[in-house]
Amino acid sequence: MSERSAARQESLPKRRQQRERSAERWEEMARAAEETERRTAINEAQKRARDMA
């Protein structure tokens, strides 16, 4: 059975819960990526400061 066919057979509340969990995971990944970018920028700034000293 294909995923789409299986999804159609799931109840609406279950599908909604699955979409909500998926959205939460994407939001968590986005926050983690933003934090990584922030730490990278800080590390690069610190490295430049050390190189100039």
PDB file of N, CA and C in Angstrom:
ATOM      1  N   MET A   1       0.850  -1.182   0.000  1.00  0.00           N
ATOM      2  CA  MET A   1       0.000   0.000   0.000  1.00  0.00           C
ATOM      3  C   MET A   1       0.893   1.242   0.000  1.00  0.00           C
ATOM      4  N   SER A   2       0.568   2.172  -0.823  1.00  0.00           N
ATOM      5  CA  SER A   2       1.382   3.383  -0.914  1.00  0.00           C
ATOM      6  C   SER A   2       1.151   4.260   0.317  1.00  0.00           C
ATOM      7  N   GLU A   3       2.092   5.162   0.568  1.00  0.00           N
ATOM      8  CA  GLU A   3       1.948   6.075   1.711  1.00  0.00           C
ATOM      9  C   GLU A   3       0.706   6.927   1.573  1.00  0.00           C
ATOM     10  N   ARG A   4       0.469   7.410   0.368  1.00  0.00           N
ATOM     11  CA  ARG A   4      -0.697   8.279   0.138  1.00  0.00           C
ATOM     12  C   ARG A   4      -1.988   7.517   0.416  1.00  0.00           C
ATOM     13  N   SER A   5      -2.050   6.288  -0.059  1.00  0.00           N
ATOM     14  CA  SER A   5      -3.241   5.471   0.163  1.00  0.00           C
ATOM     15  C   SER A   5      -3.416   5.190   1.652  1.00  0.00           C
ATOM     16  N   ALA A   6      -2.333   4.882   2.326  1.00  0.00           N
ATOM     17  CA  ALA A   6      -2.401   4.626   3.769  1.00  0.00           C
ATOM     18  C   ALA A   6      -2.838   5.878   4.511  1.00  0.00           C
ATOM     19  N   ALA A   7      -2.332   7.027   4.091  1.00  0.00           N
ATOM     20  CA  ALA A   7      -2.688   8.286   4.743  1.00  0.00           C
ATOM     21  C   ALA A   7      -4.177   8.576   4.577  1.00  0.00           C
ATOM     22  N   ARG A   8      -4.714   8.271   3.397  1.00  0.00           N
ATOM     23  CA  ARG A   8      -6.135   8.519   3.159  1.00  0.00           C
ATOM     24  C   ARG A   8      -7.001   7.682   4.086  1.00  0.00           C
ATOM     25  N   GLN A   9      -6.500   6.512   4.466  1.00  0.00           N
ATOM     26  CA  GLN A   9      -7.299   5.622   5.304  1.00  0.00           C
ATOM     27  C   GLN A   9      -7.191   5.988   6.785  1.00  0.00           C
ATOM     28  N   GLU A  10      -6.226   6.810   7.154  1.00  0.00           N
ATOM     29  CA  GLU A  10      -6.097   7.247   8.546  1.00  0.00           C
ATOM     30  C   GLU A  10      -7.206   8.228   8.868  1.00  0.00           C
ATOM     31  N   SER A  11      -7.561   8.282  10.137  1.00  0.00           N
ATOM     32  CA  SER A  11      -8.596   9.231  10.543  1.00  0.00           C
ATOM     33  C   SER A  11      -8.044  10.653  10.473  1.00  0.00           C
ATOM     34  N   LEU A  12      -8.934  11.598  10.302  1.00  0.00           N
ATOM     35  CA  LEU A  12      -8.534  12.997  10.193  1.00  0.00           C
ATOM     36  C   LEU A  12      -7.760  13.468  11.430  1.00  0.00           C
ATOM     37  N   PRO A  13      -8.207  13.155  12.649  1.00  0.00           N
ATOM     38  CA  PRO A  13      -7.434  13.601  13.814  1.00  0.00           C
ATOM     39  C   PRO A  13      -6.005  13.044  13.825  1.00  0.00           C
ATOM     40  N   LYS A  14      -5.831  11.800  13.387  1.00  0.00           N
ATOM     41  CA  LYS A  14      -4.480  11.228  13.351  1.00  0.00           C
ATOM     42  C   LYS A  14      -3.619  11.926  12.313  1.00  0.00           C
ATOM     43  N   ARG A  15      -4.207  12.216  11.153  1.00  0.00           N
ATOM     44  CA  ARG A  15      -3.442  12.926  10.117  1.00  0.00           C
ATOM     45  C   ARG A  15      -3.047  14.307  10.612  1.00  0.00           C
ATOM     46  N   ARG A  16      -3.974  14.969  11.293  1.00  0.00           N
ATOM     47  CA  ARG A  16      -3.690  16.308  11.826  1.00  0.00           C
ATOM     48  C   ARG A  16      -2.541  16.233  12.839  1.00  0.00           C
ATOM     49  N   GLN A  17      -2.578  15.232  13.700  1.00  0.00           N
ATOM     50  CA  GLN A  17      -1.508  15.061  14.691  1.00  0.00           C
ATOM     51  C   GLN A  17      -0.170  14.805  13.999  1.00  0.00           C
ATOM     52  N   GLN A  18      -0.183  13.997  12.964  1.00  0.00           N
ATOM     53  CA  GLN A  18       1.055  13.716  12.232  1.00  0.00           C
ATOM     54  C   GLN A  18       1.607  14.991  11.598  1.00  0.00           C
ATOM     55  N   ARG A  19       0.733  15.803  11.013  1.00  0.00           N
ATOM     56  CA  ARG A  19       1.180  17.065  10.406  1.00  0.00           C
ATOM     57  C   ARG A  19       1.722  18.012  11.465  1.00  0.00           C
ATOM     58  N   GLU A  20       1.071  18.053  12.628  1.00  0.00           N
ATOM     59  CA  GLU A  20       1.542  18.916  13.706  1.00  0.00           C
ATOM     60  C   GLU A  20       2.915  18.469  14.205  1.00  0.00           C
ATOM     61  N   ARG A  21       3.098  17.160  14.366  1.00  0.00           N
ATOM     62  CA  ARG A  21       4.408  16.648  14.802  1.00  0.00           C
ATOM     63  C   ARG A  21       5.476  16.958  13.763  1.00  0.00           C
ATOM     64  N   SER A  22       5.113  16.809  12.498  1.00  0.00           N
ATOM     65  CA  SER A  22       6.061  17.108  11.428  1.00  0.00           C
ATOM     66  C   SER A  22       6.442  18.583  11.459  1.00  0.00           C
ATOM     67  N   ALA A  23       5.458  19.447  11.626  1.00  0.00           N
ATOM     68  CA  ALA A  23       5.725  20.890  11.688  1.00  0.00           C
ATOM     69  C   ALA A  23       6.621  21.214  12.883  1.00  0.00           C
ATOM     70  N   GLU A  24       6.374  20.571  14.005  1.00  0.00           N
ATOM     71  CA  GLU A  24       7.208  20.799  15.190  1.00  0.00           C
ATOM     72  C   GLU A  24       8.653  20.383  14.930  1.00  0.00           C
ATOM     73  N   ARG A  25       8.828  19.244  14.262  1.00  0.00           N
ATOM     74  CA  ARG A  25      10.196  18.785  13.951  1.00  0.00           C
ATOM     75  C   ARG A  25      10.900  19.772  13.033  1.00  0.00           C
ATOM     76  N   TRP A  26      10.186  20.283  12.026  1.00  0.00           N
ATOM     77  CA  TRP A  26      10.784  21.264  11.113  1.00  0.00           C
ATOM     78  C   TRP A  26      11.161  22.530  11.867  1.00  0.00           C
ATOM     79  N   GLU A  27      10.301  22.951  12.793  1.00  0.00           N
ATOM     80  CA  GLU A  27      10.605  24.149  13.580  1.00  0.00           C
ATOM     81  C   GLU A  27      11.836  23.925  14.457  1.00  0.00           C
ATOM     82  N   GLU A  28      11.939  22.735  15.055  1.00  0.00           N
ATOM     83  CA  GLU A  28      13.114  22.411  15.861  1.00  0.00           C
ATOM     84  C   GLU A  28      14.377  22.435  15.015  1.00  0.00           C
ATOM     85  N   MET A  29      14.295  21.869  13.818  1.00  0.00           N
ATOM     86  CA  MET A  29      15.463  21.872  12.934  1.00  0.00           C
ATOM     87  C   MET A  29      15.841  23.293  12.531  1.00  0.00           C
ATOM     88  N   ALA A  30      14.844  24.134  12.286  1.00  0.00           N
ATOM     89  CA  ALA A  30      15.118  25.523  11.914  1.00  0.00           C
ATOM     90  C   ALA A  30      15.794  26.257  13.071  1.00  0.00           C
ATOM     91  N   ARG A  31      15.301  26.037  14.294  1.00  0.00           N
ATOM     92  CA  ARG A  31      15.926  26.677  15.463  1.00  0.00           C
ATOM     93  C   ARG A  31      17.372  26.203  15.620  1.00  0.00           C
ATOM     94  N   ALA A  32      17.603  24.909  15.431  1.00  0.00           N
ATOM     95  CA  ALA A  32      18.957  24.373  15.552  1.00  0.00           C
ATOM     96  C   ALA A  32      19.870  24.981  14.485  1.00  0.00           C
ATOM     97  N   ALA A  33      19.366  25.131  13.276  1.00  0.00           N
ATOM     98  CA  ALA A  33      20.171  25.727  12.203  1.00  0.00           C
ATOM     99  C   ALA A  33      20.496  27.183  12.522  1.00  0.00           C
ATOM    100  N   GLU A  34      19.511  27.912  13.038  1.00  0.00           N
ATOM    101  CA  GLU A  34      19.756  29.312  13.405  1.00  0.00           C
ATOM    102  C   GLU A  34      20.797  29.410  14.512  1.00  0.00           C
ATOM    103  N   GLU A  35      20.714  28.520  15.490  1.00  0.00           N
ATOM    104  CA  GLU A  35      21.688  28.519  16.590  1.00  0.00           C
ATOM    105  C   GLU A  35      23.086  28.196  16.057  1.00  0.00           C
ATOM    106  N   THR A  36      23.168  27.263  15.120  1.00  0.00           N
ATOM    107  CA  THR A  36      24.464  26.921  14.524  1.00  0.00           C
ATOM    108  C   THR A  36      25.039  28.127  13.784  1.00  0.00           C
ATOM    109  N   GLU A  37      24.197  28.823  13.029  1.00  0.00           N
ATOM    110  CA  GLU A  37      24.658  30.024  12.314  1.00  0.00           C
ATOM    111  C   GLU A  37      25.144  31.083  13.301  1.00  0.00           C
ATOM    112  N   ARG A  38      24.406  31.245  14.403  1.00  0.00           N
ATOM    113  CA  ARG A  38      24.782  32.239  15.409  1.00  0.00           C
ATOM    114  C   ARG A  38      26.137  31.887  16.028  1.00  0.00           C
ATOM    115  N   ARG A  39      26.310  30.609  16.396  1.00  0.00           N
ATOM    116  CA  ARG A  39      27.584  30.184  17.002  1.00  0.00           C
ATOM    117  C   ARG A  39      28.730  30.320  16.009  1.00  0.00           C
ATOM    118  N   THR A  40      28.478  30.014  14.745  1.00  0.00           N
ATOM    119  CA  THR A  40      29.505  30.147  13.710  1.00  0.00           C
ATOM    120  C   THR A  40      29.945  31.597  13.582  1.00  0.00           C
ATOM    121  N   ALA A  41      28.985  32.505  13.571  1.00  0.00           N
ATOM    122  CA  ALA A  41      29.317  33.933  13.459  1.00  0.00           C
ATOM    123  C   ALA A  41      30.144  34.388  14.662  1.00  0.00           C
ATOM    124  N   ILE A  42      29.771  33.935  15.847  1.00  0.00           N
ATOM    125  CA  ILE A  42      30.527  34.293  17.058  1.00  0.00           C
ATOM    126  C   ILE A  42      31.940  33.736  16.976  1.00  0.00           C
ATOM    127  N   ASN A  43      32.055  32.483  16.587  1.00  0.00           N
ATOM    128  CA  ASN A  43      33.385  31.851  16.494  1.00  0.00           C
ATOM    129  C   ASN A  43      34.263  32.576  15.472  1.00  0.00           C
ATOM    130  N   GLU A  44      33.675  32.943  14.338  1.00  0.00           N
ATOM    131  CA  GLU A  44      34.454  33.651  13.314  1.00  0.00           C
ATOM    132  C   GLU A  44      34.900  35.017  13.821  1.00  0.00           C
ATOM    133  N   ALA A  45      34.016  35.717  14.534  1.00  0.00           N
ATOM    134  CA  ALA A  45      34.375  37.024  15.078  1.00  0.00           C
ATOM    135  C   ALA A  45      35.494  36.883  16.111  1.00  0.00           C
ATOM    136  N   GLN A  46      35.401  35.869  16.946  1.00  0.00           N
ATOM    137  CA  GLN A  46      36.450  35.640  17.946  1.00  0.00           C
ATOM    138  C   GLN A  46      37.780  35.296  17.279  1.00  0.00           C
ATOM    139  N   LYS A  47      37.722  34.503  16.213  1.00  0.00           N
ATOM    140  CA  LYS A  47      38.945  34.138  15.505  1.00  0.00           C
ATOM    141  C   LYS A  47      39.585  35.384  14.876  1.00  0.00           C
ATOM    142  N   ARG A  48      38.763  36.233  14.255  1.00  0.00           N
ATOM    143  CA  ARG A  48      39.300  37.466  13.666  1.00  0.00           C
ATOM    144  C   ARG A  48      39.936  38.340  14.743  1.00  0.00           C
ATOM    145  N   ALA A  49      39.296  38.428  15.905  1.00  0.00           N
ATOM    146  CA  ALA A  49      39.836  39.243  17.004  1.00  0.00           C
ATOM    147  C   ALA A  49      41.176  38.689  17.467  1.00  0.00           C
ATOM    148  N   ARG A  50      41.273  37.360  17.555  1.00  0.00           N
ATOM    149  CA  ARG A  50      42.557  36.736  17.975  1.00  0.00           C
ATOM    150  C   ARG A  50      43.638  36.985  16.914  1.00  0.00           C
ATOM    151  N   ASP A  51      43.244  36.878  15.633  1.00  0.00           N
ATOM    152  CA  ASP A  51      44.218  37.070  14.560  1.00  0.00           C
ATOM    153  C   ASP A  51      44.738  38.499  14.498  1.00  0.00           C
ATOM    154  N   MET A  52      43.916  39.459  14.923  1.00  0.00           N
ATOM    155  CA  MET A  52      44.315  40.859  14.890  1.00  0.00           C
ATOM    156  C   MET A  52      45.161  41.228  16.116  1.00  0.00           C
ATOM    157  N   ALA A  53      45.071  40.432  17.167  1.00  0.00           N
ATOM    158  CA  ALA A  53      45.796  40.763  18.407  1.00  0.00           C
ATOM    159  C   ALA A  53      47.265  40.376  18.326  1.00  0.00           C
TER     160      ALA A  53
END
